[in-house]
Amino acid sequence: MLVSPCSTDTELEEFDRSLGQPLRRIKMQLFLTTLGGPTTGTAVRRMLRRVATNNVLKEYSLRGRKAKKVFQDLTICRVITEELPRADCSRGGGLDRASAEVCPTQMAS
């Protein structure tokens, strides 16, 4: 589990690789679902803030556009998007179809 957010790209990559271990991934999923928020956007921002600093996340875009790294290729991106429906959002505790397509990295900026 993360003690503090990843402050370098190398730390984020090492953390992301560690999520390949099923037990670590499950623990992270359970942790992220506890963060929640009143809206989907708030839940995503809370999750991302616990994973990495803004200085690290600003180097990524969902698909790697504008010479940035590809966030959707990271395991943590899949973990976050899988846990969003379980996050405690005021919209009935889950996502509607339209908000399920929200880009997590757009929320981090």
PDB file of N, CA and C in Angstrom:
ATOM      1  N   MET A   1       0.855  -1.186   0.000  1.00  0.00           N
ATOM      2  CA  MET A   1       0.000   0.000   0.000  1.00  0.00           C
ATOM      3  C   MET A   1       0.890   1.236   0.000  1.00  0.00           C
ATOM      4  N   LEU A   2       0.412   2.286  -0.592  1.00  0.00           N
ATOM      5  CA  LEU A   2       1.151   3.540  -0.639  1.00  0.00           C
ATOM      6  C   LEU A   2       1.100   4.251   0.712  1.00  0.00           C
ATOM      7  N   VAL A   3       2.254   4.686   1.187  1.00  0.00           N
ATOM      8  CA  VAL A   3       2.300   5.495   2.397  1.00  0.00           C
ATOM      9  C   VAL A   3       2.089   6.957   2.014  1.00  0.00           C
ATOM     10  N   SER A   4       2.724   7.345   0.923  1.00  0.00           N
ATOM     11  CA  SER A   4       2.547   8.695   0.391  1.00  0.00           C
ATOM     12  C   SER A   4       2.478   8.591  -1.129  1.00  0.00           C
ATOM     13  N   PRO A   5       1.913   9.612  -1.776  1.00  0.00           N
ATOM     14  CA  PRO A   5       1.799   9.563  -3.239  1.00  0.00           C
ATOM     15  C   PRO A   5       3.171   9.472  -3.913  1.00  0.00           C
ATOM     16  N   CYS A   6       3.229   8.818  -5.044  1.00  0.00           N
ATOM     17  CA  CYS A   6       4.470   8.719  -5.811  1.00  0.00           C
ATOM     18  C   CYS A   6       4.895  10.119  -6.241  1.00  0.00           C
ATOM     19  N   SER A   7       6.153  10.447  -5.978  1.00  0.00           N
ATOM     20  CA  SER A   7       6.622  11.799  -6.294  1.00  0.00           C
ATOM     21  C   SER A   7       7.533  11.836  -7.512  1.00  0.00           C
ATOM     22  N   THR A   8       7.817  10.684  -8.087  1.00  0.00           N
ATOM     23  CA  THR A   8       8.595  10.634  -9.327  1.00  0.00           C
ATOM     24  C   THR A   8       7.947   9.633 -10.277  1.00  0.00           C
ATOM     25  N   ASP A   9       8.277   9.776 -11.536  1.00  0.00           N
ATOM     26  CA  ASP A   9       7.755   8.859 -12.542  1.00  0.00           C
ATOM     27  C   ASP A   9       8.251   7.437 -12.280  1.00  0.00           C
ATOM     28  N   THR A  10       9.478   7.313 -11.824  1.00  0.00           N
ATOM     29  CA  THR A  10      10.042   6.000 -11.520  1.00  0.00           C
ATOM     30  C   THR A  10       9.261   5.321 -10.393  1.00  0.00           C
ATOM     31  N   GLU A  11       8.927   6.080  -9.352  1.00  0.00           N
ATOM     32  CA  GLU A  11       8.132   5.531  -8.252  1.00  0.00           C
ATOM     33  C   GLU A  11       6.768   5.061  -8.749  1.00  0.00           C
ATOM     34  N   LEU A  12       6.139   5.862  -9.610  1.00  0.00           N
ATOM     35  CA  LEU A  12       4.829   5.486 -10.145  1.00  0.00           C
ATOM     36  C   LEU A  12       4.928   4.210 -10.970  1.00  0.00           C
ATOM     37  N   GLU A  13       5.963   4.105 -11.789  1.00  0.00           N
ATOM     38  CA  GLU A  13       6.135   2.910 -12.612  1.00  0.00           C
ATOM     39  C   GLU A  13       6.387   1.677 -11.752  1.00  0.00           C
ATOM     40  N   GLU A  14       7.196   1.812 -10.693  1.00  0.00           N
ATOM     41  CA  GLU A  14       7.441   0.689  -9.786  1.00  0.00           C
ATOM     42  C   GLU A  14       6.157   0.295  -9.057  1.00  0.00           C
ATOM     43  N   PHE A  15       5.420   1.291  -8.588  1.00  0.00           N
ATOM     44  CA  PHE A  15       4.155   1.023  -7.920  1.00  0.00           C
ATOM     45  C   PHE A  15       3.194   0.316  -8.872  1.00  0.00           C
ATOM     46  N   ASP A  16       3.128   0.808 -10.102  1.00  0.00           N
ATOM     47  CA  ASP A  16       2.229   0.221 -11.096  1.00  0.00           C
ATOM     48  C   ASP A  16       2.599  -1.238 -11.371  1.00  0.00           C
ATOM     49  N   ARG A  17       3.894  -1.522 -11.475  1.00  0.00           N
ATOM     50  CA  ARG A  17       4.337  -2.905 -11.681  1.00  0.00           C
ATOM     51  C   ARG A  17       3.944  -3.786 -10.496  1.00  0.00           C
ATOM     52  N   SER A  18       3.992  -3.226  -9.293  1.00  0.00           N
ATOM     53  CA  SER A  18       3.646  -4.010  -8.104  1.00  0.00           C
ATOM     54  C   SER A  18       2.171  -4.415  -8.105  1.00  0.00           C
ATOM     55  N   LEU A  19       1.338  -3.678  -8.830  1.00  0.00           N
ATOM     56  CA  LEU A  19      -0.080  -4.016  -8.900  1.00  0.00           C
ATOM     57  C   LEU A  19      -0.333  -5.263  -9.750  1.00  0.00           C
ATOM     58  N   GLY A  20       0.715  -5.783 -10.357  1.00  0.00           N
ATOM     59  CA  GLY A  20       0.615  -7.049 -11.070  1.00  0.00           C
ATOM     60  C   GLY A  20       0.437  -8.216 -10.110  1.00  0.00           C
ATOM     61  N   GLN A  21       0.793  -8.004  -8.842  1.00  0.00           N
ATOM     62  CA  GLN A  21       0.591  -9.021  -7.812  1.00  0.00           C
ATOM     63  C   GLN A  21      -0.863  -8.944  -7.365  1.00  0.00           C
ATOM     64  N   PRO A  22      -1.602 -10.037  -7.474  1.00  0.00           N
ATOM     65  CA  PRO A  22      -3.048 -10.008  -7.172  1.00  0.00           C
ATOM     66  C   PRO A  22      -3.394  -9.459  -5.791  1.00  0.00           C
ATOM     67  N   LEU A  23      -2.639  -9.812  -4.767  1.00  0.00           N
ATOM     68  CA  LEU A  23      -2.958  -9.354  -3.419  1.00  0.00           C
ATOM     69  C   LEU A  23      -2.789  -7.835  -3.289  1.00  0.00           C
ATOM     70  N   ARG A  24      -1.723  -7.305  -3.873  1.00  0.00           N
ATOM     71  CA  ARG A  24      -1.510  -5.847  -3.825  1.00  0.00           C
ATOM     72  C   ARG A  24      -2.611  -5.113  -4.587  1.00  0.00           C
ATOM     73  N   ARG A  25      -3.000  -5.671  -5.723  1.00  0.00           N
ATOM     74  CA  ARG A  25      -4.052  -5.039  -6.518  1.00  0.00           C
ATOM     75  C   ARG A  25      -5.379  -5.022  -5.744  1.00  0.00           C
ATOM     76  N   ILE A  26      -5.717  -6.113  -5.112  1.00  0.00           N
ATOM     77  CA  ILE A  26      -6.968  -6.185  -4.336  1.00  0.00           C
ATOM     78  C   ILE A  26      -6.939  -5.195  -3.180  1.00  0.00           C
ATOM     79  N   LYS A  27      -5.794  -5.114  -2.481  1.00  0.00           N
ATOM     80  CA  LYS A  27      -5.677  -4.156  -1.379  1.00  0.00           C
ATOM     81  C   LYS A  27      -5.846  -2.725  -1.873  1.00  0.00           C
ATOM     82  N   MET A  28      -5.250  -2.409  -3.020  1.00  0.00           N
ATOM     83  CA  MET A  28      -5.378  -1.056  -3.572  1.00  0.00           C
ATOM     84  C   MET A  28      -6.821  -0.793  -3.987  1.00  0.00           C
ATOM     85  N   GLN A  29      -7.482  -1.764  -4.577  1.00  0.00           N
ATOM     86  CA  GLN A  29      -8.880  -1.594  -4.967  1.00  0.00           C
ATOM     87  C   GLN A  29      -9.741  -1.314  -3.744  1.00  0.00           C
ATOM     88  N   LEU A  30      -9.542  -2.075  -2.689  1.00  0.00           N
ATOM     89  CA  LEU A  30     -10.326  -1.857  -1.468  1.00  0.00           C
ATOM     90  C   LEU A  30     -10.050  -0.481  -0.874  1.00  0.00           C
ATOM     91  N   PHE A  31      -8.794  -0.074  -0.881  1.00  0.00           N
ATOM     92  CA  PHE A  31      -8.428   1.243  -0.360  1.00  0.00           C
ATOM     93  C   PHE A  31      -9.078   2.360  -1.173  1.00  0.00           C
ATOM     94  N   LEU A  32      -9.000   2.262  -2.487  1.00  0.00           N
ATOM     95  CA  LEU A  32      -9.546   3.328  -3.339  1.00  0.00           C
ATOM     96  C   LEU A  32     -11.051   3.465  -3.190  1.00  0.00           C
ATOM     97  N   THR A  33     -11.754   2.371  -2.966  1.00  0.00           N
ATOM     98  CA  THR A  33     -13.210   2.462  -2.828  1.00  0.00           C
ATOM     99  C   THR A  33     -13.604   3.215  -1.564  1.00  0.00           C
ATOM    100  N   THR A  34     -12.716   3.275  -0.581  1.00  0.00           N
ATOM    101  CA  THR A  34     -13.041   3.996   0.655  1.00  0.00           C
ATOM    102  C   THR A  34     -12.947   5.503   0.485  1.00  0.00           C
ATOM    103  N   LEU A  35     -12.270   5.970  -0.550  1.00  0.00           N
ATOM    104  CA  LEU A  35     -12.073   7.408  -0.734  1.00  0.00           C
ATOM    105  C   LEU A  35     -13.350   8.107  -1.180  1.00  0.00           C
ATOM    106  N   GLY A  36     -14.001   7.574  -2.189  1.00  0.00           N
ATOM    107  CA  GLY A  36     -15.287   8.099  -2.665  1.00  0.00           C
ATOM    108  C   GLY A  36     -15.332   9.609  -2.821  1.00  0.00           C
ATOM    109  N   GLY A  37     -16.528  10.153  -2.807  1.00  0.00           N
ATOM    110  CA  GLY A  37     -16.744  11.582  -2.938  1.00  0.00           C
ATOM    111  C   GLY A  37     -18.157  11.865  -3.365  1.00  0.00           C
ATOM    112  N   PRO A  38     -18.580  13.134  -3.278  1.00  0.00           N
ATOM    113  CA  PRO A  38     -19.955  13.484  -3.633  1.00  0.00           C
ATOM    114  C   PRO A  38     -20.250  13.377  -5.129  1.00  0.00           C
ATOM    115  N   THR A  39     -19.201  13.432  -5.953  1.00  0.00           N
ATOM    116  CA  THR A  39     -19.379  13.296  -7.399  1.00  0.00           C
ATOM    117  C   THR A  39     -18.309  12.352  -7.936  1.00  0.00           C
ATOM    118  N   THR A  40     -18.501  11.895  -9.150  1.00  0.00           N
ATOM    119  CA  THR A  40     -17.519  11.026  -9.788  1.00  0.00           C
ATOM    120  C   THR A  40     -16.186  11.747  -9.936  1.00  0.00           C
ATOM    121  N   GLY A  41     -16.234  12.999 -10.345  1.00  0.00           N
ATOM    122  CA  GLY A  41     -15.005  13.786 -10.516  1.00  0.00           C
ATOM    123  C   GLY A  41     -14.227  13.914  -9.222  1.00  0.00           C
ATOM    124  N   THR A  42     -14.933  14.156  -8.133  1.00  0.00           N
ATOM    125  CA  THR A  42     -14.285  14.266  -6.829  1.00  0.00           C
ATOM    126  C   THR A  42     -13.654  12.938  -6.437  1.00  0.00           C
ATOM    127  N   ALA A  43     -14.353  11.851  -6.671  1.00  0.00           N
ATOM    128  CA  ALA A  43     -13.825  10.523  -6.350  1.00  0.00           C
ATOM    129  C   ALA A  43     -12.545  10.246  -7.130  1.00  0.00           C
ATOM    130  N   VAL A  44     -12.531  10.565  -8.426  1.00  0.00           N
ATOM    131  CA  VAL A  44     -11.345  10.347  -9.261  1.00  0.00           C
ATOM    132  C   VAL A  44     -10.187  11.195  -8.757  1.00  0.00           C
ATOM    133  N   ARG A  45     -10.442  12.470  -8.457  1.00  0.00           N
ATOM    134  CA  ARG A  45      -9.371  13.348  -7.969  1.00  0.00           C
ATOM    135  C   ARG A  45      -8.798  12.838  -6.654  1.00  0.00           C
ATOM    136  N   ARG A  46      -9.656  12.387  -5.757  1.00  0.00           N
ATOM    137  CA  ARG A  46      -9.169  11.843  -4.481  1.00  0.00           C
ATOM    138  C   ARG A  46      -8.297  10.611  -4.703  1.00  0.00           C
ATOM    139  N   MET A  47      -8.722   9.740  -5.611  1.00  0.00           N
ATOM    140  CA  MET A  47      -7.946   8.535  -5.896  1.00  0.00           C
ATOM    141  C   MET A  47      -6.584   8.892  -6.484  1.00  0.00           C
ATOM    142  N   LEU A  48      -6.598   9.799  -7.460  1.00  0.00           N
ATOM    143  CA  LEU A  48      -5.339  10.181  -8.108  1.00  0.00           C
ATOM    144  C   LEU A  48      -4.392  10.881  -7.145  1.00  0.00           C
ATOM    145  N   ARG A  49      -4.925  11.705  -6.251  1.00  0.00           N
ATOM    146  CA  ARG A  49      -4.073  12.390  -5.273  1.00  0.00           C
ATOM    147  C   ARG A  49      -3.368  11.419  -4.342  1.00  0.00           C
ATOM    148  N   ARG A  50      -3.983  10.280  -4.074  1.00  0.00           N
ATOM    149  CA  ARG A  50      -3.363   9.277  -3.201  1.00  0.00           C
ATOM    150  C   ARG A  50      -2.346   8.428  -3.955  1.00  0.00           C
ATOM    151  N   VAL A  51      -2.444   8.406  -5.277  1.00  0.00           N
ATOM    152  CA  VAL A  51      -1.550   7.583  -6.091  1.00  0.00           C
ATOM    153  C   VAL A  51      -0.266   8.332  -6.457  1.00  0.00           C
ATOM    154  N   ALA A  52      -0.385   9.574  -6.906  1.00  0.00           N
ATOM    155  CA  ALA A  52       0.795  10.323  -7.366  1.00  0.00           C
ATOM    156  C   ALA A  52       0.556  11.822  -7.218  1.00  0.00           C
ATOM    157  N   THR A  53       1.653  12.565  -7.197  1.00  0.00           N
ATOM    158  CA  THR A  53       1.569  14.018  -7.099  1.00  0.00           C
ATOM    159  C   THR A  53       1.178  14.612  -8.452  1.00  0.00           C
ATOM    160  N   ASN A  54       0.729  15.855  -8.437  1.00  0.00           N
ATOM    161  CA  ASN A  54       0.384  16.534  -9.690  1.00  0.00           C
ATOM    162  C   ASN A  54       1.592  16.653 -10.609  1.00  0.00           C
ATOM    163  N   ASN A  55       2.788  16.844 -10.030  1.00  0.00           N
ATOM    164  CA  ASN A  55       3.996  16.945 -10.864  1.00  0.00           C
ATOM    165  C   ASN A  55       4.248  15.673 -11.655  1.00  0.00           C
ATOM    166  N   VAL A  56       3.897  14.542 -11.099  1.00  0.00           N
ATOM    167  CA  VAL A  56       4.046  13.272 -11.818  1.00  0.00           C
ATOM    168  C   VAL A  56       2.917  13.108 -12.827  1.00  0.00           C
ATOM    169  N   LEU A  57       1.681  13.351 -12.391  1.00  0.00           N
ATOM    170  CA  LEU A  57       0.524  13.129 -13.260  1.00  0.00           C
ATOM    171  C   LEU A  57       0.457  14.084 -14.445  1.00  0.00           C
ATOM    172  N   LYS A  58       1.067  15.270 -14.328  1.00  0.00           N
ATOM    173  CA  LYS A  58       1.019  16.205 -15.457  1.00  0.00           C
ATOM    174  C   LYS A  58       1.839  15.725 -16.648  1.00  0.00           C
ATOM    175  N   GLU A  59       2.663  14.702 -16.438  1.00  0.00           N
ATOM    176  CA  GLU A  59       3.445  14.116 -17.522  1.00  0.00           C
ATOM    177  C   GLU A  59       2.647  13.093 -18.330  1.00  0.00           C
ATOM    178  N   TYR A  60       1.402  12.845 -17.923  1.00  0.00           N
ATOM    179  CA  TYR A  60       0.560  11.828 -18.557  1.00  0.00           C
ATOM    180  C   TYR A  60      -0.694  12.452 -19.153  1.00  0.00           C
ATOM    181  N   SER A  61      -1.167  11.834 -20.223  1.00  0.00           N
ATOM    182  CA  SER A  61      -2.518  12.077 -20.710  1.00  0.00           C
ATOM    183  C   SER A  61      -3.107  10.698 -20.985  1.00  0.00           C
ATOM    184  N   LEU A  62      -4.404  10.607 -21.079  1.00  0.00           N
ATOM    185  CA  LEU A  62      -5.032   9.300 -21.204  1.00  0.00           C
ATOM    186  C   LEU A  62      -4.429   8.485 -22.338  1.00  0.00           C
ATOM    187  N   ARG A  63      -4.293   9.094 -23.502  1.00  0.00           N
ATOM    188  CA  ARG A  63      -3.809   8.373 -24.687  1.00  0.00           C
ATOM    189  C   ARG A  63      -2.398   8.784 -25.106  1.00  0.00           C
ATOM    190  N   GLY A  64      -1.730   9.593 -24.294  1.00  0.00           N
ATOM    191  CA  GLY A  64      -0.359   9.971 -24.603  1.00  0.00           C
ATOM    192  C   GLY A  64      -0.231  11.060 -25.641  1.00  0.00           C
ATOM    193  N   ARG A  65      -1.220  11.875 -25.768  1.00  0.00           N
ATOM    194  CA  ARG A  65      -1.160  12.971 -26.746  1.00  0.00           C
ATOM    195  C   ARG A  65      -0.274  14.099 -26.250  1.00  0.00           C
ATOM    196  N   LYS A  66       0.129  14.959 -27.173  1.00  0.00           N
ATOM    197  CA  LYS A  66       0.977  16.120 -26.890  1.00  0.00           C
ATOM    198  C   LYS A  66       2.288  15.701 -26.219  1.00  0.00           C
ATOM    199  N   ALA A  67       2.882  14.635 -26.718  1.00  0.00           N
ATOM    200  CA  ALA A  67       4.183  14.132 -26.263  1.00  0.00           C
ATOM    201  C   ALA A  67       4.193  13.737 -24.787  1.00  0.00           C
ATOM    202  N   LYS A  68       3.040  13.356 -24.270  1.00  0.00           N
ATOM    203  CA  LYS A  68       2.967  12.894 -22.886  1.00  0.00           C
ATOM    204  C   LYS A  68       2.941  11.372 -22.852  1.00  0.00           C
ATOM    205  N   LYS A  69       3.135  10.829 -21.661  1.00  0.00           N
ATOM    206  CA  LYS A  69       3.087   9.379 -21.485  1.00  0.00           C
ATOM    207  C   LYS A  69       1.638   8.910 -21.452  1.00  0.00           C
ATOM    208  N   VAL A  70       1.426   7.640 -21.784  1.00  0.00           N
ATOM    209  CA  VAL A  70       0.082   7.078 -21.896  1.00  0.00           C
ATOM    210  C   VAL A  70      -0.395   6.571 -20.531  1.00  0.00           C
ATOM    211  N   PHE A  71      -1.396   7.237 -19.956  1.00  0.00           N
ATOM    212  CA  PHE A  71      -1.914   6.851 -18.650  1.00  0.00           C
ATOM    213  C   PHE A  71      -2.764   5.585 -18.726  1.00  0.00           C
ATOM    214  N   GLN A  72      -3.512   5.410 -19.806  1.00  0.00           N
ATOM    215  CA  GLN A  72      -4.412   4.259 -19.900  1.00  0.00           C
ATOM    216  C   GLN A  72      -3.664   2.930 -19.968  1.00  0.00           C
ATOM    217  N   ASP A  73      -2.371   2.951 -20.250  1.00  0.00           N
ATOM    218  CA  ASP A  73      -1.589   1.725 -20.276  1.00  0.00           C
ATOM    219  C   ASP A  73      -1.164   1.269 -18.875  1.00  0.00           C
ATOM    220  N   LEU A  74      -1.309   2.160 -17.885  1.00  0.00           N
ATOM    221  CA  LEU A  74      -0.919   1.812 -16.525  1.00  0.00           C
ATOM    222  C   LEU A  74      -1.994   0.964 -15.851  1.00  0.00           C
ATOM    223  N   THR A  75      -1.563   0.028 -15.051  1.00  0.00           N
ATOM    224  CA  THR A  75      -2.493  -0.812 -14.302  1.00  0.00           C
ATOM    225  C   THR A  75      -3.348   0.029 -13.364  1.00  0.00           C
ATOM    226  N   ILE A  76      -2.762   1.074 -12.777  1.00  0.00           N
ATOM    227  CA  ILE A  76      -3.516   1.900 -11.830  1.00  0.00           C
ATOM    228  C   ILE A  76      -4.694   2.589 -12.514  1.00  0.00           C
ATOM    229  N   CYS A  77      -4.582   2.895 -13.783  1.00  0.00           N
ATOM    230  CA  CYS A  77      -5.706   3.483 -14.524  1.00  0.00           C
ATOM    231  C   CYS A  77      -6.864   2.493 -14.565  1.00  0.00           C
ATOM    232  N   ARG A  78      -6.567   1.235 -14.855  1.00  0.00           N
ATOM    233  CA  ARG A  78      -7.614   0.213 -14.887  1.00  0.00           C
ATOM    234  C   ARG A  78      -8.197  -0.023 -13.494  1.00  0.00           C
ATOM    235  N   VAL A  79      -7.351   0.003 -12.478  1.00  0.00           N
ATOM    236  CA  VAL A  79      -7.837  -0.193 -11.112  1.00  0.00           C
ATOM    237  C   VAL A  79      -8.807   0.924 -10.747  1.00  0.00           C
ATOM    238  N   ILE A  80      -8.442   2.170 -11.042  1.00  0.00           N
ATOM    239  CA  ILE A  80      -9.304   3.310 -10.720  1.00  0.00           C
ATOM    240  C   ILE A  80     -10.623   3.221 -11.472  1.00  0.00           C
ATOM    241  N   THR A  81     -10.568   2.952 -12.762  1.00  0.00           N
ATOM    242  CA  THR A  81     -11.810   2.920 -13.536  1.00  0.00           C
ATOM    243  C   THR A  81     -12.682   1.732 -13.148  1.00  0.00           C
ATOM    244  N   GLU A  82     -12.079   0.643 -12.693  1.00  0.00           N
ATOM    245  CA  GLU A  82     -12.871  -0.492 -12.222  1.00  0.00           C
ATOM    246  C   GLU A  82     -13.537  -0.187 -10.888  1.00  0.00           C
ATOM    247  N   GLU A  83     -12.911   0.637 -10.064  1.00  0.00           N
ATOM    248  CA  GLU A  83     -13.438   0.920  -8.731  1.00  0.00           C
ATOM    249  C   GLU A  83     -14.413   2.089  -8.698  1.00  0.00           C
ATOM    250  N   LEU A  84     -14.466   2.890  -9.731  1.00  0.00           N
ATOM    251  CA  LEU A  84     -15.379   4.039  -9.736  1.00  0.00           C
ATOM    252  C   LEU A  84     -16.836   3.666  -9.475  1.00  0.00           C
ATOM    253  N   PRO A  85     -17.355   2.597 -10.058  1.00  0.00           N
ATOM    254  CA  PRO A  85     -18.755   2.263  -9.764  1.00  0.00           C
ATOM    255  C   PRO A  85     -18.999   1.933  -8.294  1.00  0.00           C
ATOM    256  N   ARG A  86     -17.964   1.514  -7.583  1.00  0.00           N
ATOM    257  CA  ARG A  86     -18.113   1.181  -6.172  1.00  0.00           C
ATOM    258  C   ARG A  86     -17.818   2.358  -5.257  1.00  0.00           C
ATOM    259  N   ALA A  87     -17.278   3.445  -5.811  1.00  0.00           N
ATOM    260  CA  ALA A  87     -16.980   4.628  -5.003  1.00  0.00           C
ATOM    261  C   ALA A  87     -18.294   5.248  -4.532  1.00  0.00           C
ATOM    262  N   ASP A  88     -18.259   5.863  -3.378  1.00  0.00           N
ATOM    263  CA  ASP A  88     -19.466   6.411  -2.762  1.00  0.00           C
ATOM    264  C   ASP A  88     -19.776   7.796  -3.339  1.00  0.00           C
ATOM    265  N   CYS A  89     -20.408   7.833  -4.485  1.00  0.00           N
ATOM    266  CA  CYS A  89     -20.790   9.091  -5.117  1.00  0.00           C
ATOM    267  C   CYS A  89     -22.255   9.390  -4.792  1.00  0.00           C
ATOM    268  N   SER A  90     -22.603  10.647  -4.759  1.00  0.00           N
ATOM    269  CA  SER A  90     -23.972  11.023  -4.401  1.00  0.00           C
ATOM    270  C   SER A  90     -24.991  10.626  -5.458  1.00  0.00           C
ATOM    271  N   ARG A  91     -24.544  10.250  -6.638  1.00  0.00           N
ATOM    272  CA  ARG A  91     -25.463   9.851  -7.712  1.00  0.00           C
ATOM    273  C   ARG A  91     -25.859   8.389  -7.565  1.00  0.00           C
ATOM    274  N   GLY A  92     -26.259   8.000  -6.393  1.00  0.00           N
ATOM    275  CA  GLY A  92     -26.717   6.633  -6.196  1.00  0.00           C
ATOM    276  C   GLY A  92     -25.596   5.643  -5.963  1.00  0.00           C
ATOM    277  N   GLY A  93     -24.387   6.136  -5.642  1.00  0.00           N
ATOM    278  CA  GLY A  93     -23.299   5.244  -5.315  1.00  0.00           C
ATOM    279  C   GLY A  93     -22.608   4.632  -6.509  1.00  0.00           C
ATOM    280  N   GLY A  94     -22.844   5.118  -7.685  1.00  0.00           N
ATOM    281  CA  GLY A  94     -22.185   4.557  -8.850  1.00  0.00           C
ATOM    282  C   GLY A  94     -22.192   5.520 -10.006  1.00  0.00           C
ATOM    283  N   LEU A  95     -21.840   5.024 -11.152  1.00  0.00           N
ATOM    284  CA  LEU A  95     -21.746   5.843 -12.349  1.00  0.00           C
ATOM    285  C   LEU A  95     -22.905   5.573 -13.287  1.00  0.00           C
ATOM    286  N   ASP A  96     -23.328   6.632 -13.936  1.00  0.00           N
ATOM    287  CA  ASP A  96     -24.242   6.392 -15.042  1.00  0.00           C
ATOM    288  C   ASP A  96     -23.387   6.171 -16.285  1.00  0.00           C
ATOM    289  N   ARG A  97     -23.976   5.767 -17.367  1.00  0.00           N
ATOM    290  CA  ARG A  97     -23.214   5.423 -18.560  1.00  0.00           C
ATOM    291  C   ARG A  97     -22.390   6.593 -19.082  1.00  0.00           C
ATOM    292  N   ALA A  98     -22.936   7.792 -19.069  1.00  0.00           N
ATOM    293  CA  ALA A  98     -22.210   8.953 -19.598  1.00  0.00           C
ATOM    294  C   ALA A  98     -20.984   9.264 -18.762  1.00  0.00           C
ATOM    295  N   SER A  99     -21.091   9.242 -17.442  1.00  0.00           N
ATOM    296  CA  SER A  99     -19.953   9.596 -16.624  1.00  0.00           C
ATOM    297  C   SER A  99     -18.930   8.474 -16.530  1.00  0.00           C
ATOM    298  N   ALA A 100     -19.255   7.265 -16.958  1.00  0.00           N
ATOM    299  CA  ALA A 100     -18.293   6.166 -16.952  1.00  0.00           C
ATOM    300  C   ALA A 100     -17.193   6.408 -17.973  1.00  0.00           C
ATOM    301  N   GLU A 101     -17.438   7.300 -18.920  1.00  0.00           N
ATOM    302  CA  GLU A 101     -16.449   7.553 -19.953  1.00  0.00           C
ATOM    303  C   GLU A 101     -15.571   8.758 -19.606  1.00  0.00           C
ATOM    304  N   VAL A 102     -15.642   9.257 -18.393  1.00  0.00           N
ATOM    305  CA  VAL A 102     -14.840  10.382 -17.970  1.00  0.00           C
ATOM    306  C   VAL A 102     -13.379   9.967 -17.925  1.00  0.00           C
ATOM    307  N   CYS A 103     -12.511  10.825 -18.402  1.00  0.00           N
ATOM    308  CA  CYS A 103     -11.079  10.553 -18.434  1.00  0.00           C
ATOM    309  C   CYS A 103     -10.462  10.898 -17.073  1.00  0.00           C
ATOM    310  N   PRO A 104      -9.917   9.933 -16.350  1.00  0.00           N
ATOM    311  CA  PRO A 104      -9.335  10.217 -15.045  1.00  0.00           C
ATOM    312  C   PRO A 104      -8.233  11.260 -15.087  1.00  0.00           C
ATOM    313  N   THR A 105      -7.423  11.285 -16.147  1.00  0.00           N
ATOM    314  CA  THR A 105      -6.321  12.233 -16.173  1.00  0.00           C
ATOM    315  C   THR A 105      -6.787  13.652 -16.395  1.00  0.00           C
ATOM    316  N   GLN A 106      -7.940  13.859 -16.992  1.00  0.00           N
ATOM    317  CA  GLN A 106      -8.454  15.204 -17.149  1.00  0.00           C
ATOM    318  C   GLN A 106      -8.831  15.777 -15.801  1.00  0.00           C
ATOM    319  N   MET A 107      -9.181  14.929 -14.867  1.00  0.00           N
ATOM    320  CA  MET A 107      -9.561  15.363 -13.529  1.00  0.00           C
ATOM    321  C   MET A 107      -8.351  15.796 -12.717  1.00  0.00           C
ATOM    322  N   ALA A 108      -7.182  15.285 -13.046  1.00  0.00           N
ATOM    323  CA  ALA A 108      -5.981  15.546 -12.238  1.00  0.00           C
ATOM    324  C   ALA A 108      -5.401  16.922 -12.484  1.00  0.00           C
ATOM    325  N   SER A 109      -5.689  17.513 -13.599  1.00  0.00           N
ATOM    326  CA  SER A 109      -5.071  18.799 -13.947  1.00  0.00           C
ATOM    327  C   SER A 109      -5.641  19.943 -13.160  1.00  0.00           C
TER     328      SER A 109
END
